[in-house]
């Protein structure tokens, strides 16, 4: 019985040591949660424009040349639950898919652009820019 009492005394820790250990665990969890929150993308920093631009380009180009009349097909590749505005511009012309990007300050639209070859009506090919806006 006496050995059991001594063993029980040795198994206990002081309250200060237990509090320090608890503090270390809580600090580690807080650091982990803060780091995880910083590296996990939130909805406002969600990069949807670049992949949507690639999908729009894949949908509307033929042989490496974009035709302005094919912009109506751009809505097919919009991410689910999002709206897409597409603008194709050259030095002297501008075409859209019928939508305008939001101008409201409360709506956050993600955008991306890339240079493209544009087929003109007279058979010429001009350099242009394909720009995409994505928003909810």
Foldseek 3Di string as FASTA:
>chain_A
DVVVVVVVVVPDDDPVVVVVVVVVVVVVVVVVVVVVVVPDDDPLPDAPAVVLVVVLCVQADDPQEGELVSQLCSQVSAPPPKDKKKWKDFPPDIHINPDDPDPDPVWRKHKDKDWGWYQDPVRDIGIIMMMMIMTD
